[in-house]
Amino acid sequence: MPQRETKRLDWIRWMMRTGPLVNGLTTYLVDDLGERQEVLTSLDRLAAATGRDADDVRIALAELVEACDAQYRSRPTWNGWRRISASVWS
């Protein structure tokens, strides 16, 4: 199979994997939380709220950021937890 077709199939597989993750996260952040300007939470809390694994939430956030539909910041806090700030535009 030519490389161009292989890349296209890889992209389709990736979108099939990430599409539902992005939709679930967007639904939670926009519909359930009421389109807040900023959400301060952890990956674990987002995972629990969306019923997904933390790695899946990380993938969905990365997709939203790459598409310029969200901003994401991660910083350590005093107790060692990572705090994330996500802004999503609908």
Protein backbone atom coordinates (compact mmCIF):
# COMPACT_ATOMS: atom_id res chain seq x y z
CA MET A 1 0.00 0.00 0.00
CA PRO A 2 1.39 3.44 -0.87
CA GLN A 3 2.58 5.62 2.01
CA ARG A 4 -0.04 8.29 1.31
CA GLU A 5 -2.88 5.79 1.69
CA THR A 6 -1.30 4.35 4.83
CA LYS A 7 -1.10 7.81 6.39
CA ARG A 8 -4.71 8.49 5.47
CA LEU A 9 -5.86 5.22 7.06
CA ASP A 10 -3.83 5.98 10.18
CA TRP A 11 -5.50 9.39 10.40
CA ILE A 12 -8.97 7.84 10.01
CA ARG A 13 -8.22 5.29 12.75
CA TRP A 14 -6.97 8.05 15.04
CA MET A 15 -10.11 10.15 14.45
CA MET A 16 -12.32 7.12 15.09
CA ARG A 17 -10.51 6.66 18.41
CA THR A 18 -10.38 10.29 19.51
CA GLY A 19 -13.71 11.57 18.17
CA PRO A 20 -15.87 10.00 20.90
CA LEU A 21 -13.36 11.09 23.56
CA VAL A 22 -13.44 14.70 22.39
CA ASN A 23 -17.24 14.68 22.13
CA GLY A 24 -17.63 13.27 25.64
CA LEU A 25 -15.24 15.78 27.16
CA THR A 26 -16.79 18.69 25.28
CA THR A 27 -20.28 17.65 26.35
CA TYR A 28 -19.17 17.58 29.97
CA LEU A 29 -17.27 20.88 29.88
CA VAL A 30 -19.81 22.81 27.83
CA ASP A 31 -23.21 21.26 28.56
CA ASP A 32 -22.81 19.89 32.08
CA LEU A 33 -20.68 22.72 33.49
CA GLY A 34 -22.52 25.49 31.67
CA GLU A 35 -19.83 26.88 29.35
CA ARG A 36 -17.57 28.24 32.07
CA GLN A 37 -14.63 30.36 31.02
CA GLU A 38 -12.20 28.19 32.94
CA VAL A 39 -12.29 24.87 34.79
CA LEU A 40 -9.73 24.11 37.49
CA THR A 41 -9.65 20.37 38.12
CA SER A 42 -7.51 17.25 37.77
CA LEU A 43 -7.35 14.65 35.03
CA ASP A 44 -8.68 12.09 37.50
CA ARG A 45 -11.74 14.22 38.26
CA LEU A 46 -12.42 14.84 34.57
CA ALA A 47 -12.04 11.11 33.94
CA ALA A 48 -14.49 10.25 36.70
CA ALA A 49 -17.00 12.87 35.52
CA THR A 50 -16.88 11.66 31.91
CA GLY A 51 -16.60 7.95 32.67
CA ARG A 52 -13.28 7.74 30.83
CA ASP A 53 -9.73 6.80 31.71
CA ALA A 54 -7.36 9.67 32.61
CA ASP A 55 -5.22 8.83 29.57
CA ASP A 56 -8.29 9.14 27.34
CA VAL A 57 -9.08 12.54 28.86
CA ARG A 58 -5.48 13.61 28.21
CA ILE A 59 -5.83 12.55 24.55
CA ALA A 60 -9.13 14.43 24.21
CA LEU A 61 -7.64 17.59 25.73
CA ALA A 62 -4.66 17.35 23.39
CA GLU A 63 -6.99 17.08 20.39
CA LEU A 64 -9.00 20.12 21.51
CA VAL A 65 -5.82 22.15 22.05
CA GLU A 66 -4.39 21.09 18.68
CA ALA A 67 -7.61 22.21 16.98
CA CYS A 68 -7.39 25.57 18.84
CA ASP A 69 -10.71 24.78 20.55
CA ALA A 70 -9.22 24.77 24.04
CA GLN A 71 -6.33 25.94 26.16
CA TYR A 72 -4.72 23.68 28.73
CA ARG A 73 -2.30 24.45 31.54
CA SER A 74 -0.90 22.04 34.06
CA ARG A 75 0.96 23.10 37.18
CA PRO A 76 1.94 21.48 40.45
CA THR A 77 0.24 22.55 43.66
CA TRP A 78 1.46 22.67 47.22
CA ASN A 79 0.19 19.14 47.99
CA GLY A 80 1.81 17.48 44.97
CA TRP A 81 -1.38 17.20 42.89
CA ARG A 82 -1.29 18.46 39.33
CA ARG A 83 -3.87 21.15 38.71
CA ILE A 84 -5.14 21.62 35.20
CA SER A 85 -6.96 24.56 33.77
CA ALA A 86 -9.02 23.96 30.65
CA SER A 87 -10.94 26.48 28.61
CA VAL A 88 -13.14 25.06 25.86
CA TRP A 89 -14.99 27.02 23.22
CA SER A 90 -18.25 25.65 21.84
